[in-house]
Amino acid sequence: MPLATRLLYGGITEEVLLRWGLMSFFAWGLWRLAGRPATPGAGRIIAAILLSALLLGAGHLPLLFGLNPHPPAWGIVLVIGVNASLGVALGWLYWRRGIEAAMLAHGLGHLIAVLPS
């Protein structure tokens, strides 16, 4: 995948969809389910981060299956785990520093990933 696509899609589109969109939606939904307290609470935000991070991890499976139609189970776990771990860090950045910080970190991650090659 070209670097520009990785930077623009990964760094911007995925962050808008998964952090600003899904993570915020999950946080809002959990806040509503809790009876709309004064603040959503850290526990609900962390749950929203984890949910959106797992979806980020699962969202990278089509690329894996495109590269290998029959990947081993450890490959599936690895793709979901690594991307979900990064998603937790990006979710925390979004929560604490805003969408721009998550976008920059995501794009920087793609940039660093292509440096060794």
Protein backbone atom coordinates (compact mmCIF):
# COMPACT_ATOMS: atom_id res chain seq x y z
CA MET A 1 0.00 0.00 0.00
CA PRO A 2 1.45 3.41 -0.90
CA LEU A 3 2.71 5.54 1.98
CA ALA A 4 0.34 8.41 1.13
CA THR A 5 -2.63 6.04 1.42
CA ARG A 6 -1.38 4.69 4.74
CA LEU A 7 -0.86 8.19 6.11
CA LEU A 8 -4.12 9.66 4.86
CA TYR A 9 -6.42 6.68 5.34
CA GLY A 10 -4.83 5.33 8.50
CA GLY A 11 -3.90 8.61 10.07
CA ILE A 12 -7.02 10.55 9.24
CA THR A 13 -9.90 8.36 8.10
CA GLU A 14 -9.46 5.57 10.65
CA GLU A 15 -9.14 8.08 13.46
CA VAL A 16 -12.26 9.97 12.41
CA LEU A 17 -14.22 6.73 12.02
CA LEU A 18 -12.95 4.86 15.06
CA ARG A 19 -12.10 7.51 17.64
CA TRP A 20 -14.28 10.48 16.81
CA GLY A 21 -17.08 8.24 15.54
CA LEU A 22 -17.25 4.84 17.26
CA MET A 23 -15.36 5.58 20.46
CA SER A 24 -17.42 8.70 21.06
CA PHE A 25 -20.61 6.77 20.22
CA PHE A 26 -19.71 3.98 22.65
CA ALA A 27 -18.87 6.50 25.38
CA TRP A 28 -22.15 8.31 24.75
CA GLY A 29 -24.11 5.04 24.78
CA LEU A 30 -22.50 3.87 28.01
CA TRP A 31 -23.17 7.29 29.55
CA ARG A 32 -26.83 7.04 28.52
CA LEU A 33 -27.11 3.50 29.90
CA ALA A 34 -25.72 4.77 33.21
CA GLY A 35 -28.55 7.27 33.52
CA ARG A 36 -26.67 10.31 32.17
CA PRO A 37 -24.52 11.22 35.19
CA ALA A 38 -22.74 14.59 35.28
CA THR A 39 -19.65 13.11 33.61
CA PRO A 40 -19.26 9.90 31.60
CA GLY A 41 -16.63 8.61 34.05
CA ALA A 42 -13.23 7.11 33.31
CA GLY A 43 -14.53 3.53 33.38
CA ARG A 44 -17.00 4.17 30.59
CA ILE A 45 -14.39 5.99 28.52
CA ILE A 46 -11.93 3.14 28.98
CA ALA A 47 -14.62 0.64 27.93
CA ALA A 48 -15.27 2.77 24.82
CA ILE A 49 -11.53 2.84 24.09
CA LEU A 50 -11.31 -0.95 24.38
CA LEU A 51 -14.36 -1.57 22.18
CA SER A 52 -13.15 0.76 19.44
CA ALA A 53 -9.62 -0.69 19.68
CA LEU A 54 -10.93 -4.23 19.16
CA LEU A 55 -12.84 -3.04 16.12
CA LEU A 56 -9.68 -1.38 14.81
CA GLY A 57 -7.86 -4.69 15.22
CA ALA A 58 -10.61 -6.67 13.50
CA GLY A 59 -10.77 -4.04 10.75
CA HIS A 60 -7.26 -5.03 9.66
CA LEU A 61 -8.23 -8.66 9.02
CA PRO A 62 -9.31 -8.08 5.40
CA LEU A 63 -5.75 -7.00 4.59
CA LEU A 64 -4.41 -10.17 6.22
CA PHE A 65 -6.86 -12.35 4.29
CA GLY A 66 -5.98 -10.47 1.11
CA LEU A 67 -2.33 -11.35 1.61
CA ASN A 68 -3.00 -14.92 2.75
CA PRO A 69 -6.47 -16.45 2.16
CA HIS A 70 -5.78 -19.10 4.82
CA PRO A 71 -3.77 -17.42 7.58
CA PRO A 72 -2.82 -19.40 10.67
CA ALA A 73 -4.78 -18.72 13.86
CA TRP A 74 -1.74 -17.08 15.46
CA GLY A 75 -1.63 -14.64 12.52
CA ILE A 76 -5.22 -13.60 13.11
CA VAL A 77 -4.59 -13.17 16.85
CA LEU A 78 -1.41 -11.22 16.12
CA VAL A 79 -3.10 -8.82 13.67
CA ILE A 80 -6.00 -8.15 16.03
CA GLY A 81 -3.76 -7.93 19.11
CA VAL A 82 -1.13 -5.59 17.71
CA ASN A 83 -3.65 -3.28 16.07
CA ALA A 84 -5.94 -3.30 19.12
CA SER A 85 -2.98 -2.46 21.37
CA LEU A 86 -2.14 0.49 19.17
CA GLY A 87 -5.84 1.38 19.16
CA VAL A 88 -5.82 1.56 22.97
CA ALA A 89 -2.90 4.00 22.85
CA LEU A 90 -4.60 6.07 20.14
CA GLY A 91 -7.88 6.02 22.06
CA TRP A 92 -6.11 7.28 25.16
CA LEU A 93 -4.51 10.06 23.10
CA TYR A 94 -7.91 11.03 21.71
CA TRP A 95 -9.43 11.06 25.18
CA ARG A 96 -6.63 13.10 26.76
CA ARG A 97 -5.24 15.21 23.89
CA GLY A 98 -7.88 15.30 21.14
CA ILE A 99 -8.41 13.91 17.68
CA GLU A 100 -5.45 15.76 16.20
CA ALA A 101 -3.01 14.01 18.54
CA ALA A 102 -4.46 10.61 17.65
CA MET A 103 -4.25 11.43 13.93
CA LEU A 104 -0.64 12.57 14.17
CA ALA A 105 0.39 9.53 16.22
CA HIS A 106 -1.37 7.14 13.84
CA GLY A 107 0.25 8.74 10.81
CA LEU A 108 3.63 8.78 12.52
CA GLY A 109 3.23 5.08 13.30
CA HIS A 110 2.72 4.33 9.61
CA LEU A 111 5.72 6.47 8.73
CA ILE A 112 7.95 4.69 11.24
CA ALA A 113 6.69 1.29 10.02
CA VAL A 114 8.00 1.94 6.49
CA LEU A 115 11.41 3.29 7.57
CA PRO A 116 13.11 -0.13 7.92
CA SER A 117 12.06 -1.16 4.39
